[in-house]
PDB file of all heavy atoms in Angstrom:
ATOM      1  N   ASP A   1      13.467 -51.183  34.098  1.00  0.00           N
ATOM      2  CA  ASP A   1      12.162 -50.766  33.580  1.00  0.00           C
ATOM      3  C   ASP A   1      12.125 -51.050  32.075  1.00  0.00           C
ATOM      4  O   ASP A   1      11.921 -50.165  31.243  1.00  0.00           O
ATOM      5  CB  ASP A   1      11.950 -49.276  33.855  1.00  0.00           C
ATOM      6  CG  ASP A   1      10.482 -48.865  33.776  1.00  0.00           C
ATOM      7  OD1 ASP A   1       9.673 -49.702  33.348  1.00  0.00           O
ATOM      8  OD2 ASP A   1      10.183 -47.719  34.125  1.00  0.00           O
ATOM      9  N   ALA A   2      12.344 -52.316  31.722  1.00  0.00           N
ATOM     10  CA  ALA A   2      12.487 -52.702  30.324  1.00  0.00           C
ATOM     11  C   ALA A   2      11.230 -52.425  29.505  1.00  0.00           C
ATOM     12  O   ALA A   2      11.319 -52.008  28.348  1.00  0.00           O
ATOM     13  CB  ALA A   2      12.856 -54.182  30.239  1.00  0.00           C
ATOM     14  N   ALA A   3      10.055 -52.669  30.062  1.00  0.00           N
ATOM     15  CA  ALA A   3       8.811 -52.491  29.308  1.00  0.00           C
ATOM     16  C   ALA A   3       8.623 -51.040  28.882  1.00  0.00           C
ATOM     17  O   ALA A   3       8.276 -50.755  27.725  1.00  0.00           O
ATOM     18  CB  ALA A   3       7.621 -52.963  30.141  1.00  0.00           C
ATOM     19  N   ARG A   4       8.860 -50.117  29.816  1.00  0.00           N
ATOM     20  CA  ARG A   4       8.645 -48.703  29.478  1.00  0.00           C
ATOM     21  C   ARG A   4       9.685 -48.219  28.482  1.00  0.00           C
ATOM     22  O   ARG A   4       9.380 -47.489  27.543  1.00  0.00           O
ATOM     23  CB  ARG A   4       8.675 -47.850  30.758  1.00  0.00           C
ATOM     24  CG  ARG A   4       8.134 -46.432  30.552  1.00  0.00           C
ATOM     25  CD  ARG A   4       7.511 -45.897  31.829  1.00  0.00           C
ATOM     26  NE  ARG A   4       8.459 -45.805  32.913  1.00  0.00           N
ATOM     27  CZ  ARG A   4       9.037 -44.654  33.315  1.00  0.00           C
ATOM     28  NH1 ARG A   4       8.743 -43.531  32.697  1.00  0.00           N
ATOM     29  NH2 ARG A   4       9.863 -44.651  34.327  1.00  0.00           N
ATOM     30  N   LEU A   5      10.947 -48.640  28.655  1.00  0.00           N
ATOM     31  CA  LEU A   5      11.985 -48.218  27.722  1.00  0.00           C
ATOM     32  C   LEU A   5      11.726 -48.796  26.331  1.00  0.00           C
ATOM     33  O   LEU A   5      11.928 -48.119  25.326  1.00  0.00           O
ATOM     34  CB  LEU A   5      13.363 -48.654  28.216  1.00  0.00           C
ATOM     35  CG  LEU A   5      14.539 -48.201  27.347  1.00  0.00           C
ATOM     36  CD1 LEU A   5      14.613 -46.680  27.284  1.00  0.00           C
ATOM     37  CD2 LEU A   5      15.850 -48.773  27.861  1.00  0.00           C
ATOM     38  N   THR A   6      11.236 -50.020  26.291  1.00  0.00           N
ATOM     39  CA  THR A   6      10.916 -50.633  24.999  1.00  0.00           C
ATOM     40  C   THR A   6       9.870 -49.813  24.258  1.00  0.00           C
ATOM     41  O   THR A   6       9.990 -49.566  23.047  1.00  0.00           O
ATOM     42  CB  THR A   6      10.420 -52.072  25.194  1.00  0.00           C
ATOM     43  OG1 THR A   6      11.478 -52.864  25.747  1.00  0.00           O
ATOM     44  CG2 THR A   6       9.962 -52.683  23.879  1.00  0.00           C
ATOM     45  N   SER A   7       8.862 -49.364  24.963  1.00  0.00           N
ATOM     46  CA  SER A   7       7.813 -48.546  24.340  1.00  0.00           C
ATOM     47  C   SER A   7       8.377 -47.242  23.799  1.00  0.00           C
ATOM     48  O   SER A   7       8.025 -46.799  22.691  1.00  0.00           O
ATOM     49  CB  SER A   7       6.699 -48.248  25.354  1.00  0.00           C
ATOM     50  OG  SER A   7       6.065 -49.431  25.772  1.00  0.00           O
ATOM     51  N   LEU A   8       9.254 -46.602  24.573  1.00  0.00           N
ATOM     52  CA  LEU A   8       9.861 -45.343  24.140  1.00  0.00           C
ATOM     53  C   LEU A   8      10.709 -45.537  22.877  1.00  0.00           C
ATOM     54  O   LEU A   8      10.652 -44.730  21.948  1.00  0.00           O
ATOM     55  CB  LEU A   8      10.730 -44.768  25.261  1.00  0.00           C
ATOM     56  CG  LEU A   8      10.010 -44.322  26.525  1.00  0.00           C
ATOM     57  CD1 LEU A   8      11.013 -44.014  27.636  1.00  0.00           C
ATOM     58  CD2 LEU A   8       9.165 -43.071  26.229  1.00  0.00           C
ATOM     59  N   ILE A   9      11.475 -46.610  22.862  1.00  0.00           N
ATOM     60  CA  ILE A   9      12.363 -46.873  21.718  1.00  0.00           C
ATOM     61  C   ILE A   9      11.553 -47.195  20.471  1.00  0.00           C
ATOM     62  O   ILE A   9      11.824 -46.679  19.375  1.00  0.00           O
ATOM     63  CB  ILE A   9      13.332 -48.028  22.050  1.00  0.00           C
ATOM     64  CG1 ILE A   9      14.330 -47.579  23.119  1.00  0.00           C
ATOM     65  CG2 ILE A   9      14.066 -48.502  20.801  1.00  0.00           C
ATOM     66  CD1 ILE A   9      15.194 -48.694  23.672  1.00  0.00           C
ATOM     67  N   GLU A  10      10.540 -48.040  20.612  1.00  0.00           N
ATOM     68  CA  GLU A  10       9.729 -48.419  19.457  1.00  0.00           C
ATOM     69  C   GLU A  10       8.941 -47.240  18.910  1.00  0.00           C
ATOM     70  O   GLU A  10       8.706 -47.154  17.699  1.00  0.00           O
ATOM     71  CB  GLU A  10       8.796 -49.566  19.841  1.00  0.00           C
ATOM     72  CG  GLU A  10       9.551 -50.883  20.079  1.00  0.00           C
ATOM     73  CD  GLU A  10       8.651 -52.016  20.523  1.00  0.00           C
ATOM     74  OE1 GLU A  10       7.514 -51.723  20.974  1.00  0.00           O
ATOM     75  OE2 GLU A  10       9.084 -53.190  20.432  1.00  0.00           O
ATOM     76  N   ALA A  11       8.560 -46.324  19.776  1.00  0.00           N
ATOM     77  CA  ALA A  11       7.868 -45.113  19.321  1.00  0.00           C
ATOM     78  C   ALA A  11       8.770 -44.239  18.462  1.00  0.00           C
ATOM     79  O   ALA A  11       8.294 -43.469  17.616  1.00  0.00           O
ATOM     80  CB  ALA A  11       7.353 -44.319  20.521  1.00  0.00           C
ATOM     81  N   GLU A  12      10.092 -44.383  18.649  1.00  0.00           N
ATOM     82  CA  GLU A  12      11.075 -43.614  17.871  1.00  0.00           C
ATOM     83  C   GLU A  12      11.528 -44.373  16.619  1.00  0.00           C
ATOM     84  O   GLU A  12      12.386 -43.905  15.877  1.00  0.00           O
ATOM     85  CB  GLU A  12      12.301 -43.325  18.732  1.00  0.00           C
ATOM     86  CG  GLU A  12      12.072 -42.265  19.787  1.00  0.00           C
ATOM     87  CD  GLU A  12      12.167 -40.853  19.216  1.00  0.00           C
ATOM     88  OE1 GLU A  12      13.113 -40.585  18.453  1.00  0.00           O
ATOM     89  OE2 GLU A  12      11.296 -40.030  19.541  1.00  0.00           O
ATOM     90  N   GLY A  13      10.972 -45.568  16.397  1.00  0.00           N
ATOM     91  CA  GLY A  13      11.323 -46.340  15.210  1.00  0.00           C
ATOM     92  C   GLY A  13      12.410 -47.374  15.424  1.00  0.00           C
ATOM     93  O   GLY A  13      12.838 -48.037  14.472  1.00  0.00           O
ATOM     94  N   GLY A  14      12.877 -47.521  16.671  1.00  0.00           N
ATOM     95  CA  GLY A  14      13.892 -48.527  16.954  1.00  0.00           C
ATOM     96  C   GLY A  14      13.283 -49.899  17.152  1.00  0.00           C
ATOM     97  O   GLY A  14      12.066 -50.041  17.336  1.00  0.00           O
ATOM     98  N   LYS A  15      14.113 -50.913  17.095  1.00  0.00           N
ATOM     99  CA  LYS A  15      13.663 -52.285  17.321  1.00  0.00           C
ATOM    100  C   LYS A  15      14.362 -52.842  18.556  1.00  0.00           C
ATOM    101  O   LYS A  15      15.549 -52.621  18.754  1.00  0.00           O
ATOM    102  CB  LYS A  15      13.981 -53.158  16.105  1.00  0.00           C
ATOM    103  CG  LYS A  15      13.204 -52.765  14.854  1.00  0.00           C
ATOM    104  CD  LYS A  15      13.504 -53.704  13.703  1.00  0.00           C
ATOM    105  CE  LYS A  15      12.698 -53.318  12.461  1.00  0.00           C
ATOM    106  NZ  LYS A  15      12.967 -54.231  11.314  1.00  0.00           N
ATOM    107  N   VAL A  16      13.590 -53.557  19.380  1.00  0.00           N
ATOM    108  CA  VAL A  16      14.109 -54.063  20.652  1.00  0.00           C
ATOM    109  C   VAL A  16      13.964 -55.579  20.706  1.00  0.00           C
ATOM    110  O   VAL A  16      12.910 -56.126  20.382  1.00  0.00           O
ATOM    111  CB  VAL A  16      13.350 -53.432  21.845  1.00  0.00           C
ATOM    112  CG1 VAL A  16      13.911 -53.952  23.164  1.00  0.00           C
ATOM    113  CG2 VAL A  16      13.415 -51.910  21.785  1.00  0.00           C
ATOM    114  N   SER A  17      15.039 -56.235  21.130  1.00  0.00           N
ATOM    115  CA  SER A  17      15.012 -57.685  21.326  1.00  0.00           C
ATOM    116  C   SER A  17      15.545 -57.993  22.711  1.00  0.00           C
ATOM    117  O   SER A  17      16.600 -57.480  23.106  1.00  0.00           O
ATOM    118  CB  SER A  17      15.884 -58.393  20.283  1.00  0.00           C
ATOM    119  OG  SER A  17      15.449 -58.103  18.977  1.00  0.00           O
ATOM    120  N   PRO A  18      14.838 -58.803  23.484  1.00  0.00           N
ATOM    121  CA  PRO A  18      15.353 -59.172  24.812  1.00  0.00           C
ATOM    122  C   PRO A  18      16.550 -60.100  24.670  1.00  0.00           C
ATOM    123  O   PRO A  18      16.637 -60.887  23.726  1.00  0.00           O
ATOM    124  CB  PRO A  18      14.171 -59.885  25.466  1.00  0.00           C
ATOM    125  CG  PRO A  18      13.359 -60.384  24.318  1.00  0.00           C
ATOM    126  CD  PRO A  18      13.520 -59.398  23.204  1.00  0.00           C
ATOM    127  N   VAL A  19      17.466 -60.003  25.611  1.00  0.00           N
ATOM    128  CA  VAL A  19      18.639 -60.872  25.641  1.00  0.00           C
ATOM    129  C   VAL A  19      18.421 -61.912  26.722  1.00  0.00           C
ATOM    130  O   VAL A  19      18.123 -61.573  27.874  1.00  0.00           O
ATOM    131  CB  VAL A  19      19.928 -60.068  25.936  1.00  0.00           C
ATOM    132  CG1 VAL A  19      21.121 -61.003  26.041  1.00  0.00           C
ATOM    133  CG2 VAL A  19      20.150 -59.028  24.849  1.00  0.00           C
ATOM    134  N   ALA A  20      18.576 -63.179  26.354  1.00  0.00           N
ATOM    135  CA  ALA A  20      18.396 -64.253  27.331  1.00  0.00           C
ATOM    136  C   ALA A  20      19.441 -64.124  28.431  1.00  0.00           C
ATOM    137  O   ALA A  20      20.620 -63.944  28.140  1.00  0.00           O
ATOM    138  CB  ALA A  20      18.525 -65.613  26.657  1.00  0.00           C
ATOM    139  N   PRO A  21      19.049 -64.202  29.693  1.00  0.00           N
ATOM    140  CA  PRO A  21      19.999 -64.033  30.799  1.00  0.00           C
ATOM    141  C   PRO A  21      21.203 -64.956  30.719  1.00  0.00           C
ATOM    142  O   PRO A  21      22.318 -64.571  31.006  1.00  0.00           O
ATOM    143  CB  PRO A  21      19.145 -64.321  32.039  1.00  0.00           C
ATOM    144  CG  PRO A  21      17.749 -64.011  31.612  1.00  0.00           C
ATOM    145  CD  PRO A  21      17.677 -64.389  30.170  1.00  0.00           C
ATOM    146  N   ALA A  22      20.993 -66.197  30.292  1.00  0.00           N
ATOM    147  CA  ALA A  22      22.100 -67.156  30.247  1.00  0.00           C
ATOM    148  C   ALA A  22      23.146 -66.754  29.230  1.00  0.00           C
ATOM    149  O   ALA A  22      24.302 -67.135  29.320  1.00  0.00           O
ATOM    150  CB  ALA A  22      21.572 -68.545  29.918  1.00  0.00           C
ATOM    151  N   ALA A  23      22.729 -65.984  28.204  1.00  0.00           N
ATOM    152  CA  ALA A  23      23.659 -65.601  27.147  1.00  0.00           C
ATOM    153  C   ALA A  23      24.341 -64.275  27.433  1.00  0.00           C
ATOM    154  O   ALA A  23      25.162 -63.820  26.666  1.00  0.00           O
ATOM    155  CB  ALA A  23      22.917 -65.509  25.812  1.00  0.00           C
ATOM    156  N   GLU A  24      23.980 -63.641  28.541  1.00  0.00           N
ATOM    157  CA  GLU A  24      24.468 -62.306  28.827  1.00  0.00           C
ATOM    158  C   GLU A  24      25.549 -62.317  29.899  1.00  0.00           C
ATOM    159  O   GLU A  24      25.294 -62.662  31.049  1.00  0.00           O
ATOM    160  CB  GLU A  24      23.294 -61.430  29.295  1.00  0.00           C
ATOM    161  CG  GLU A  24      23.657 -59.967  29.533  1.00  0.00           C
ATOM    162  CD  GLU A  24      24.026 -59.275  28.244  1.00  0.00           C
ATOM    163  OE1 GLU A  24      23.736 -59.807  27.161  1.00  0.00           O
ATOM    164  OE2 GLU A  24      24.613 -58.187  28.320  1.00  0.00           O
ATOM    165  N   PRO A  25      26.808 -61.941  29.539  1.00  0.00           N
ATOM    166  CA  PRO A  25      27.861 -61.867  30.551  1.00  0.00           C
ATOM    167  C   PRO A  25      27.482 -60.889  31.655  1.00  0.00           C
ATOM    168  O   PRO A  25      26.933 -59.820  31.405  1.00  0.00           O
ATOM    169  CB  PRO A  25      29.068 -61.345  29.757  1.00  0.00           C
ATOM    170  CG  PRO A  25      28.765 -61.700  28.330  1.00  0.00           C
ATOM    171  CD  PRO A  25      27.280 -61.586  28.198  1.00  0.00           C
ATOM    172  N   GLY A  26      27.739 -61.261  32.893  1.00  0.00           N
ATOM    173  CA  GLY A  26      27.471 -60.373  34.014  1.00  0.00           C
ATOM    174  C   GLY A  26      26.042 -60.429  34.506  1.00  0.00           C
ATOM    175  O   GLY A  26      25.651 -59.682  35.393  1.00  0.00           O
ATOM    176  N   ALA A  27      25.234 -61.302  33.902  1.00  0.00           N
ATOM    177  CA  ALA A  27      23.822 -61.351  34.288  1.00  0.00           C
ATOM    178  C   ALA A  27      23.640 -61.726  35.752  1.00  0.00           C
ATOM    179  O   ALA A  27      22.724 -61.264  36.411  1.00  0.00           O
ATOM    180  CB  ALA A  27      23.066 -62.343  33.393  1.00  0.00           C
ATOM    181  N   ALA A  28      24.527 -62.571  36.251  1.00  0.00           N
ATOM    182  CA  ALA A  28      24.403 -62.993  37.644  1.00  0.00           C
ATOM    183  C   ALA A  28      24.613 -61.829  38.600  1.00  0.00           C
ATOM    184  O   ALA A  28      24.054 -61.781  39.679  1.00  0.00           O
ATOM    185  CB  ALA A  28      25.417 -64.102  37.924  1.00  0.00           C
ATOM    186  N   ALA A  29      25.441 -60.857  38.189  1.00  0.00           N
ATOM    187  CA  ALA A  29      25.736 -59.715  39.049  1.00  0.00           C
ATOM    188  C   ALA A  29      24.681 -58.624  38.940  1.00  0.00           C
ATOM    189  O   ALA A  29      24.576 -57.782  39.806  1.00  0.00           O
ATOM    190  CB  ALA A  29      27.113 -59.145  38.706  1.00  0.00           C
ATOM    191  N   ASP A  30      23.919 -58.623  37.826  1.00  0.00           N
ATOM    192  CA  ASP A  30      22.918 -57.585  37.609  1.00  0.00           C
ATOM    193  C   ASP A  30      21.669 -58.250  37.050  1.00  0.00           C
ATOM    194  O   ASP A  30      21.667 -58.758  35.933  1.00  0.00           O
ATOM    195  CB  ASP A  30      23.454 -56.541  36.625  1.00  0.00           C
ATOM    196  CG  ASP A  30      22.537 -55.338  36.512  1.00  0.00           C
ATOM    197  OD1 ASP A  30      21.365 -55.432  36.924  1.00  0.00           O
ATOM    198  OD2 ASP A  30      22.994 -54.300  35.995  1.00  0.00           O
ATOM    199  N   THR A  31      20.601 -58.259  37.833  1.00  0.00           N
ATOM    200  CA  THR A  31      19.391 -58.959  37.421  1.00  0.00           C
ATOM    201  C   THR A  31      18.476 -58.098  36.564  1.00  0.00           C
ATOM    202  O   THR A  31      17.412 -58.565  36.142  1.00  0.00           O
ATOM    203  CB  THR A  31      18.610 -59.429  38.661  1.00  0.00           C
ATOM    204  OG1 THR A  31      18.318 -58.296  39.499  1.00  0.00           O
ATOM    205  CG2 THR A  31      19.420 -60.461  39.442  1.00  0.00           C
ATOM    206  N   ALA A  32      18.857 -56.844  36.294  1.00  0.00           N
ATOM    207  CA  ALA A  32      18.038 -55.993  35.431  1.00  0.00           C
ATOM    208  C   ALA A  32      18.014 -56.587  34.024  1.00  0.00           C
ATOM    209  O   ALA A  32      19.047 -57.012  33.510  1.00  0.00           O
ATOM    210  CB  ALA A  32      18.604 -54.572  35.390  1.00  0.00           C
ATOM    211  N   PRO A  33      16.840 -56.631  33.373  1.00  0.00           N
ATOM    212  CA  PRO A  33      16.742 -57.210  32.032  1.00  0.00           C
ATOM    213  C   PRO A  33      17.650 -56.497  31.036  1.00  0.00           C
ATOM    214  O   PRO A  33      17.842 -55.280  31.104  1.00  0.00           O
ATOM    215  CB  PRO A  33      15.265 -57.005  31.677  1.00  0.00           C
ATOM    216  CG  PRO A  33      14.558 -56.888  32.982  1.00  0.00           C
ATOM    217  CD  PRO A  33      15.534 -56.194  33.895  1.00  0.00           C
ATOM    218  N   ALA A  34      18.204 -57.263  30.114  1.00  0.00           N
ATOM    219  CA  ALA A  34      19.064 -56.711  29.072  1.00  0.00           C
ATOM    220  C   ALA A  34      18.329 -56.745  27.744  1.00  0.00           C
ATOM    221  O   ALA A  34      17.576 -57.668  27.450  1.00  0.00           O
ATOM    222  CB  ALA A  34      20.359 -57.509  28.977  1.00  0.00           C
ATOM    223  N   LEU A  35      18.543 -55.694  26.942  1.00  0.00           N
ATOM    224  CA  LEU A  35      17.894 -55.555  25.644  1.00  0.00           C
ATOM    225  C   LEU A  35      18.941 -55.272  24.576  1.00  0.00           C
ATOM    226  O   LEU A  35      19.973 -54.642  24.848  1.00  0.00           O
ATOM    227  CB  LEU A  35      16.883 -54.396  25.662  1.00  0.00           C
ATOM    228  CG  LEU A  35      15.865 -54.356  26.798  1.00  0.00           C
ATOM    229  CD1 LEU A  35      15.103 -53.030  26.776  1.00  0.00           C
ATOM    230  CD2 LEU A  35      14.897 -55.533  26.683  1.00  0.00           C
ATOM    231  N   THR A  36      18.661 -55.710  23.364  1.00  0.00           N
ATOM    232  CA  THR A  36      19.466 -55.331  22.202  1.00  0.00           C
ATOM    233  C   THR A  36      18.611 -54.429  21.336  1.00  0.00           C
ATOM    234  O   THR A  36      17.494 -54.791  20.947  1.00  0.00           O
ATOM    235  CB  THR A  36      19.911 -56.561  21.397  1.00  0.00           C
ATOM    236  OG1 THR A  36      20.763 -57.367  22.201  1.00  0.00           O
ATOM    237  CG2 THR A  36      20.663 -56.142  20.140  1.00  0.00           C
ATOM    238  N   VAL A  37      19.143 -53.241  21.030  1.00  0.00           N
ATOM    239  CA  VAL A  37      18.397 -52.238  20.272  1.00  0.00           C
ATOM    240  C   VAL A  37      19.091 -51.992  18.948  1.00  0.00           C
ATOM    241  O   VAL A  37      20.308 -51.781  18.894  1.00  0.00           O
ATOM    242  CB  VAL A  37      18.290 -50.916  21.050  1.00  0.00           C
ATOM    243  CG1 VAL A  37      17.508 -49.884  20.242  1.00  0.00           C
ATOM    244  CG2 VAL A  37      17.633 -51.143  22.405  1.00  0.00           C
ATOM    245  N   THR A  38      18.318 -52.009  17.867  1.00  0.00           N
ATOM    246  CA  THR A  38      18.826 -51.639  16.546  1.00  0.00           C
ATOM    247  C   THR A  38      17.973 -50.513  15.982  1.00  0.00           C
ATOM    248  O   THR A  38      16.814 -50.338  16.370  1.00  0.00           O
ATOM    249  CB  THR A  38      18.798 -52.835  15.570  1.00  0.00           C
ATOM    250  OG1 THR A  38      17.455 -53.345  15.490  1.00  0.00           O
ATOM    251  CG2 THR A  38      19.730 -53.941  16.036  1.00  0.00           C
ATOM    252  N   GLY A  39      18.578 -49.734  15.079  1.00  0.00           N
ATOM    253  CA  GLY A  39      17.838 -48.648  14.443  1.00  0.00           C
ATOM    254  C   GLY A  39      17.799 -47.364  15.233  1.00  0.00           C
ATOM    255  O   GLY A  39      17.119 -46.404  14.831  1.00  0.00           O
ATOM    256  N   LEU A  40      18.532 -47.308  16.342  1.00  0.00           N
ATOM    257  CA  LEU A  40      18.549 -46.102  17.163  1.00  0.00           C
ATOM    258  C   LEU A  40      19.918 -45.982  17.825  1.00  0.00           C
ATOM    259  O   LEU A  40      20.435 -46.961  18.368  1.00  0.00           O
ATOM    260  CB  LEU A  40      17.454 -46.177  18.232  1.00  0.00           C
ATOM    261  CG  LEU A  40      16.813 -44.868  18.703  1.00  0.00           C
ATOM    262  CD1 LEU A  40      16.164 -44.123  17.547  1.00  0.00           C
ATOM    263  CD2 LEU A  40      15.781 -45.132  19.794  1.00  0.00           C
ATOM    264  N   ALA A  41      20.502 -44.794  17.765  1.00  0.00           N
ATOM    265  CA  ALA A  41      21.834 -44.588  18.320  1.00  0.00           C
ATOM    266  C   ALA A  41      21.795 -44.604  19.844  1.00  0.00           C
ATOM    267  O   ALA A  41      20.768 -44.295  20.461  1.00  0.00           O
ATOM    268  CB  ALA A  41      22.412 -43.263  17.832  1.00  0.00           C
ATOM    269  N   ALA A  42      22.936 -44.941  20.445  1.00  0.00           N
ATOM    270  CA  ALA A  42      23.022 -45.006  21.907  1.00  0.00           C
ATOM    271  C   ALA A  42      22.697 -43.659  22.541  1.00  0.00           C
ATOM    272  O   ALA A  42      22.015 -43.596  23.575  1.00  0.00           O
ATOM    273  CB  ALA A  42      24.420 -45.461  22.320  1.00  0.00           C
ATOM    274  N   ALA A  43      23.165 -42.577  21.936  1.00  0.00           N
ATOM    275  CA  ALA A  43      22.905 -41.242  22.501  1.00  0.00           C
ATOM    276  C   ALA A  43      21.410 -40.951  22.570  1.00  0.00           C
ATOM    277  O   ALA A  43      20.912 -40.406  23.568  1.00  0.00           O
ATOM    278  CB  ALA A  43      23.615 -40.179  21.662  1.00  0.00           C
ATOM    279  N   ARG A  44      20.678 -41.333  21.508  1.00  0.00           N
ATOM    280  CA  ARG A  44      19.240 -41.073  21.493  1.00  0.00           C
ATOM    281  C   ARG A  44      18.525 -41.933  22.521  1.00  0.00           C
ATOM    282  O   ARG A  44      17.570 -41.484  23.175  1.00  0.00           O
ATOM    283  CB  ARG A  44      18.679 -41.336  20.090  1.00  0.00           C
ATOM    284  CG  ARG A  44      17.183 -41.034  19.952  1.00  0.00           C
ATOM    285  CD  ARG A  44      16.873 -39.605  20.373  1.00  0.00           C
ATOM    286  NE  ARG A  44      15.447 -39.320  20.337  1.00  0.00           N
ATOM    287  CZ  ARG A  44      14.860 -38.372  21.050  1.00  0.00           C
ATOM    288  NH1 ARG A  44      15.598 -37.613  21.867  1.00  0.00           N
ATOM    289  NH2 ARG A  44      13.567 -38.173  20.952  1.00  0.00           N
TER     290      ARG A  44
END
């Protein structure tokens, strides 16, 4: 649910960048979109 999570993160002041599937290890095993988040801690 990348779109909804992106909205939640950006509302908190974080920045979200999509990760290209080809550049992401394990992408073949998991088709869920991957994101890189800055400006927000993992716990939050």
